[in-house]
Amino acid sequence: MPDEETIRTMERFALALARRAGGVIAPLFRSGLKTGDKSGRGEAFDPATEADRAAEEAMRDLVNEIFPAHGVIGEEMDEKPAEGPFTWVLDPIDGTRAFIYGVPTWMTLAALLHEGEPLIGVAFQPLTGDCFLGSPLGAWRVEMKDGSRKPLRTRRTRALSAALTGTTLPEIYTTPRERRALAEMGERALQLRFDADAYFYAMVAAGMIDIAFDTKMQPYDIAALVPIVRGAGGVVTDWDGGAYALGGQVVAAANPALLEAALEVLAADEAS
């Protein structure tokens, strides 16, 4: 584990990365950018825009300038291998569907891995100013204008029947197990909502909702969110209660008791 001074330095740099991306993306929001589709045949629509690539280029340039030995993994470009223990994982627009619809529920994500494990994460919405930061030192809502911080704390909900839950889109749930889990979560939770992507995980950390879960996650979808949820007192695992492996099937819960309730719904069974 890096020392506190190093963690503080990297926290500040992660915020600078998010700020740099926001400066590129915000002027392009609702500007009528052309949209591409990265999905394969038969898969759910997976859009990309010029803003995604321009913002990732700006973030990569800053990493290469300040920490040239650090690796970079991004959604839009090839991986740059690290020359040491640190790798940045970047998603300039998590929630591109919301972006192209002109809805500000997308976020810029920046994470720092230390020897493959998420150490620091930032989730930033430049239009609303919402910024969430997590590290081994805690989790905070950050005011980008002056750098002030307010601690985040997850909710104490224990029963799934009282839980507010969220996931990305129902159409990404394609296997029998996934469809069963989604339907059962909808039946047993107090509320299930869709289409806020990373915002749902930030809201778990902020104490606004109780569970965020997804399938078919990529490293850049989840790496930044793990330190934020954990720093606020929450837990993150895969659907079977094990390591999330920086992708795949992921669940974030406000506390361990609620995680157990969620895993009863999400964990594999004989019918899966």
Protein backbone atom coordinates (compact mmCIF):
# COMPACT_ATOMS: atom_id res chain seq x y z
CA MET A 1 0.00 0.00 0.00
CA PRO A 2 1.41 3.45 -0.89
CA ASP A 3 1.97 5.88 1.98
CA GLU A 4 -0.53 8.63 2.82
CA GLU A 5 1.43 11.36 1.07
CA THR A 6 1.46 9.37 -2.17
CA ILE A 7 -2.26 8.65 -1.87
CA ARG A 8 -3.03 12.35 -1.36
CA THR A 9 -0.90 13.26 -4.38
CA MET A 10 -2.68 10.70 -6.54
CA GLU A 11 -6.10 11.83 -5.29
CA ARG A 12 -5.32 15.35 -6.50
CA PHE A 13 -4.10 14.06 -9.84
CA ALA A 14 -7.20 11.90 -10.32
CA LEU A 15 -9.33 15.00 -9.76
CA ALA A 16 -7.18 16.88 -12.28
CA LEU A 17 -7.76 14.13 -14.86
CA ALA A 18 -11.52 14.34 -14.38
CA ARG A 19 -11.41 18.13 -14.60
CA ARG A 20 -9.37 17.95 -17.82
CA ALA A 21 -11.88 15.55 -19.40
CA GLY A 22 -14.82 17.65 -18.27
CA GLY A 23 -13.34 20.69 -19.95
CA VAL A 24 -13.24 18.81 -23.25
CA ILE A 25 -16.64 17.15 -22.98
CA ALA A 26 -18.90 19.87 -21.59
CA PRO A 27 -18.78 22.15 -24.68
CA LEU A 28 -19.68 19.15 -26.88
CA PHE A 29 -22.74 18.12 -24.84
CA ARG A 30 -25.99 18.61 -26.80
CA SER A 31 -24.00 19.73 -29.83
CA GLY A 32 -25.28 17.11 -32.27
CA LEU A 33 -22.13 14.97 -32.47
CA LYS A 34 -22.15 11.98 -34.79
CA THR A 35 -22.58 8.67 -32.96
CA GLY A 36 -20.94 5.36 -33.76
CA ASP A 37 -21.89 1.87 -32.59
CA LYS A 38 -19.21 -0.38 -31.04
CA SER A 39 -21.52 -3.36 -30.44
CA GLY A 40 -21.35 -6.62 -32.33
CA ARG A 41 -24.17 -8.20 -34.25
CA GLY A 42 -27.08 -9.08 -31.96
CA GLU A 43 -25.67 -7.10 -29.01
CA ALA A 44 -27.22 -4.09 -27.29
CA PHE A 45 -26.42 -0.70 -28.86
CA ASP A 46 -23.02 0.50 -27.55
CA PRO A 47 -22.51 4.09 -28.72
CA ALA A 48 -19.35 6.19 -28.97
CA THR A 49 -18.87 9.82 -29.92
CA GLU A 50 -16.06 12.18 -30.89
CA ALA A 51 -16.26 13.52 -27.33
CA ASP A 52 -15.29 10.12 -25.87
CA ARG A 53 -12.09 9.94 -27.87
CA ALA A 54 -11.11 13.60 -27.52
CA ALA A 55 -11.52 13.48 -23.75
CA GLU A 56 -9.56 10.24 -23.40
CA GLU A 57 -6.74 11.71 -25.48
CA ALA A 58 -6.64 14.73 -23.14
CA MET A 59 -6.55 12.49 -20.07
CA ARG A 60 -3.82 10.29 -21.53
CA ASP A 61 -1.74 13.31 -22.46
CA LEU A 62 -1.85 14.50 -18.85
CA VAL A 63 -0.82 11.08 -17.50
CA ASN A 64 2.07 10.89 -19.99
CA GLU A 65 3.19 14.39 -19.06
CA ILE A 66 3.13 14.03 -15.26
CA PHE A 67 3.58 10.28 -14.71
CA PRO A 68 5.11 8.84 -17.89
CA ALA A 69 5.92 5.49 -16.24
CA HIS A 70 2.26 4.88 -15.33
CA GLY A 71 0.19 2.55 -17.46
CA VAL A 72 -3.14 3.53 -19.01
CA ILE A 73 -6.23 1.46 -19.79
CA GLY A 74 -9.05 3.26 -21.57
CA GLU A 75 -12.28 2.48 -23.35
CA GLU A 76 -11.38 4.16 -26.63
CA MET A 77 -7.67 3.41 -27.20
CA ASP A 78 -5.08 0.67 -26.80
CA GLU A 79 -3.59 -0.13 -23.42
CA LYS A 80 -0.28 1.47 -22.47
CA PRO A 81 1.68 -0.98 -20.23
CA ALA A 82 2.98 0.31 -16.91
CA GLU A 83 6.64 0.55 -15.95
CA GLY A 84 5.85 -0.04 -12.28
CA PRO A 85 2.89 -0.67 -9.96
CA PHE A 86 0.54 2.13 -11.13
CA THR A 87 -2.01 2.03 -13.96
CA TRP A 88 -4.77 4.54 -14.72
CA VAL A 89 -8.14 3.26 -15.91
CA LEU A 90 -10.13 5.88 -17.82
CA ASP A 91 -13.71 6.16 -19.05
CA PRO A 92 -14.28 9.73 -20.24
CA ILE A 93 -18.03 9.28 -20.73
CA ASP A 94 -19.60 6.46 -18.74
CA GLY A 95 -23.21 6.56 -19.91
CA THR A 96 -22.78 7.53 -23.55
CA ARG A 97 -26.43 6.67 -24.23
CA ALA A 98 -27.45 9.38 -21.77
CA PHE A 99 -24.91 11.74 -23.35
CA ILE A 100 -26.32 11.38 -26.85
CA TYR A 101 -29.86 11.81 -25.49
CA GLY A 102 -28.80 15.08 -23.89
CA VAL A 103 -29.43 13.82 -20.35
CA PRO A 104 -26.72 14.68 -17.75
CA THR A 105 -26.60 11.29 -16.04
CA TRP A 106 -23.27 10.36 -17.63
CA MET A 107 -20.01 10.65 -15.70
CA THR A 108 -16.28 10.87 -16.31
CA LEU A 109 -14.45 8.07 -14.46
CA ALA A 110 -10.76 7.94 -13.53
CA ALA A 111 -9.21 5.20 -11.42
CA LEU A 112 -5.70 4.41 -10.26
CA LEU A 113 -4.75 0.77 -9.85
CA HIS A 114 -1.87 -0.20 -7.58
CA GLU A 115 -0.54 -3.62 -8.50
CA GLY A 116 -3.84 -4.38 -10.23
CA GLU A 117 -6.18 -3.33 -7.42
CA PRO A 118 -8.29 -0.14 -7.42
CA LEU A 119 -6.65 2.39 -5.10
CA ILE A 120 -8.27 5.71 -6.00
CA GLY A 121 -11.42 6.54 -7.94
CA VAL A 122 -13.12 9.70 -9.17
CA ALA A 123 -16.57 10.02 -10.74
CA PHE A 124 -17.36 13.50 -12.09
CA GLN A 125 -20.35 15.06 -13.83
CA PRO A 126 -19.11 18.39 -15.20
CA LEU A 127 -22.56 19.81 -16.03
CA THR A 128 -24.00 19.36 -12.53
CA GLY A 129 -20.66 19.67 -10.72
CA ASP A 130 -21.18 16.38 -8.88
CA CYS A 131 -17.78 14.90 -8.03
CA PHE A 132 -17.13 11.81 -5.92
CA LEU A 133 -13.69 10.70 -4.72
CA GLY A 134 -12.68 7.48 -2.98
CA SER A 135 -9.38 6.11 -1.66
CA PRO A 136 -8.06 4.05 1.29
CA LEU A 137 -8.41 7.27 3.31
CA GLY A 138 -12.20 7.56 2.81
CA ALA A 139 -14.77 8.86 0.35
CA TRP A 140 -16.01 12.38 -0.26
CA ARG A 141 -18.17 14.61 -2.38
CA VAL A 142 -15.70 17.18 -3.74
CA GLU A 143 -16.40 20.76 -4.72
CA MET A 144 -14.27 21.20 -7.83
CA LYS A 145 -14.16 25.01 -7.55
CA ASP A 146 -12.33 25.12 -4.23
CA GLY A 147 -11.38 21.51 -3.48
CA SER A 148 -13.51 21.30 -0.32
CA ARG A 149 -14.73 17.84 0.70
CA LYS A 150 -17.75 16.41 2.50
CA PRO A 151 -17.52 12.80 3.72
CA LEU A 152 -19.76 10.18 2.13
CA ARG A 153 -21.53 7.48 4.10
CA THR A 154 -23.73 4.64 2.85
CA ARG A 155 -27.21 3.89 4.15
CA ARG A 156 -28.02 1.40 6.91
CA THR A 157 -30.82 -0.42 5.09
CA ARG A 158 -30.76 -4.14 5.91
CA ALA A 159 -33.84 -5.62 4.23
CA LEU A 160 -34.04 -6.00 0.46
CA SER A 161 -37.74 -5.15 0.67
CA ALA A 162 -36.75 -1.66 1.84
CA ALA A 163 -33.91 -1.19 -0.67
CA LEU A 164 -33.66 1.28 -3.53
CA THR A 165 -31.75 -0.40 -6.36
CA GLY A 166 -30.45 0.47 -9.82
CA THR A 167 -28.87 -1.09 -12.88
CA THR A 168 -27.92 0.06 -16.36
CA LEU A 169 -30.31 -1.45 -18.92
CA PRO A 170 -32.60 -4.49 -18.95
CA GLU A 171 -31.52 -5.48 -22.48
CA ILE A 172 -27.96 -6.32 -21.37
CA TYR A 173 -29.38 -9.14 -19.22
CA THR A 174 -29.27 -11.89 -21.83
CA THR A 175 -28.59 -15.24 -20.12
CA PRO A 176 -31.25 -17.21 -18.21
CA ARG A 177 -29.46 -16.51 -14.93
CA GLU A 178 -29.23 -12.80 -15.65
CA ARG A 179 -32.87 -12.50 -16.67
CA ARG A 180 -34.00 -14.40 -13.58
CA ALA A 181 -31.87 -12.25 -11.30
CA LEU A 182 -33.14 -9.02 -12.83
CA ALA A 183 -36.78 -10.08 -12.57
CA GLU A 184 -36.40 -11.24 -8.97
CA MET A 185 -34.60 -8.07 -7.93
CA GLY A 186 -37.44 -6.08 -9.43
CA GLU A 187 -39.97 -8.11 -7.46
CA ARG A 188 -38.18 -8.16 -4.10
CA ALA A 189 -36.60 -4.71 -3.84
CA LEU A 190 -38.62 -1.67 -2.86
CA GLN A 191 -37.68 0.02 -6.16
CA LEU A 192 -35.60 -0.85 -9.22
CA ARG A 193 -34.63 1.87 -11.68
CA PHE A 194 -32.61 1.85 -14.91
CA ASP A 195 -30.20 3.92 -16.99
CA ALA A 196 -28.00 5.92 -14.64
CA ASP A 197 -24.83 3.84 -15.14
CA ALA A 198 -22.03 5.00 -12.79
CA TYR A 199 -24.34 7.46 -11.05
CA PHE A 200 -26.09 4.57 -9.29
CA TYR A 201 -22.80 3.49 -7.67
CA ALA A 202 -22.03 7.07 -6.67
CA MET A 203 -25.49 7.29 -5.11
CA VAL A 204 -24.83 4.13 -3.08
CA ALA A 205 -21.73 5.85 -1.68
CA ALA A 206 -23.67 9.09 -1.10
CA GLY A 207 -26.33 7.32 0.97
CA MET A 208 -29.13 7.95 -1.51
CA ILE A 209 -29.75 4.37 -2.70
CA ASP A 210 -28.84 0.93 -1.39
CA ILE A 211 -27.74 -1.38 -4.22
CA ALA A 212 -26.24 -0.96 -7.69
CA PHE A 213 -25.65 -4.02 -9.82
CA ASP A 214 -24.70 -4.79 -13.41
CA THR A 215 -23.52 -7.46 -15.80
CA LYS A 216 -21.01 -7.42 -18.65
CA MET A 217 -18.98 -4.71 -16.93
CA GLN A 218 -15.54 -3.76 -18.29
CA PRO A 219 -12.58 -2.58 -16.13
CA TYR A 220 -13.17 1.05 -17.09
CA ASP A 221 -16.84 0.75 -16.02
CA ILE A 222 -16.14 -0.26 -12.43
CA ALA A 223 -12.54 0.48 -11.38
CA ALA A 224 -13.19 4.09 -10.30
CA LEU A 225 -16.37 3.20 -8.44
CA VAL A 226 -14.90 0.54 -6.15
CA PRO A 227 -12.81 2.94 -3.97
CA ILE A 228 -15.74 5.37 -3.78
CA VAL A 229 -18.23 2.77 -2.55
CA ARG A 230 -15.73 1.12 -0.20
CA GLY A 231 -14.48 4.42 1.17
CA ALA A 232 -18.06 5.32 2.12
CA GLY A 233 -18.59 2.04 4.00
CA GLY A 234 -20.11 -0.07 1.23
CA VAL A 235 -19.04 -3.40 -0.24
CA VAL A 236 -18.41 -4.55 -3.83
CA THR A 237 -18.30 -8.17 -5.01
CA ASP A 238 -19.28 -10.30 -7.96
CA TRP A 239 -22.74 -11.92 -7.99
CA ASP A 240 -21.43 -14.96 -6.11
CA GLY A 241 -19.87 -12.91 -3.32
CA GLY A 242 -16.32 -13.23 -4.60
CA ALA A 243 -13.84 -10.85 -6.19
CA TYR A 244 -15.36 -8.72 -8.95
CA ALA A 245 -12.25 -9.16 -11.15
CA LEU A 246 -12.62 -5.60 -12.48
CA GLY A 247 -15.60 -6.50 -14.61
CA GLY A 248 -18.26 -9.06 -15.37
CA GLN A 249 -21.16 -9.33 -12.95
CA VAL A 250 -20.81 -6.74 -10.18
CA VAL A 251 -22.91 -5.72 -7.18
CA ALA A 252 -22.30 -2.79 -4.81
CA ALA A 253 -24.29 -2.68 -1.57
CA ALA A 254 -24.51 -0.15 1.22
CA ASN A 255 -23.43 -2.64 3.91
CA PRO A 256 -22.52 -6.34 4.34
CA ALA A 257 -25.98 -7.34 5.60
CA LEU A 258 -27.67 -5.90 2.54
CA LEU A 259 -25.07 -7.50 0.30
CA GLU A 260 -26.07 -10.91 1.67
CA ALA A 261 -29.71 -10.18 0.86
CA ALA A 262 -28.76 -9.11 -2.68
CA LEU A 263 -26.64 -12.21 -3.23
CA GLU A 264 -29.62 -14.42 -2.43
CA VAL A 265 -31.18 -12.97 -5.57
CA LEU A 266 -28.10 -12.71 -7.76
CA ALA A 267 -26.15 -15.88 -6.89
CA ALA A 268 -26.34 -18.83 -9.25
CA ASP A 269 -28.85 -21.60 -8.68
CA GLU A 270 -29.61 -24.91 -10.34
CA ALA A 271 -32.07 -23.30 -12.73
CA SER A 272 -29.42 -20.93 -14.05
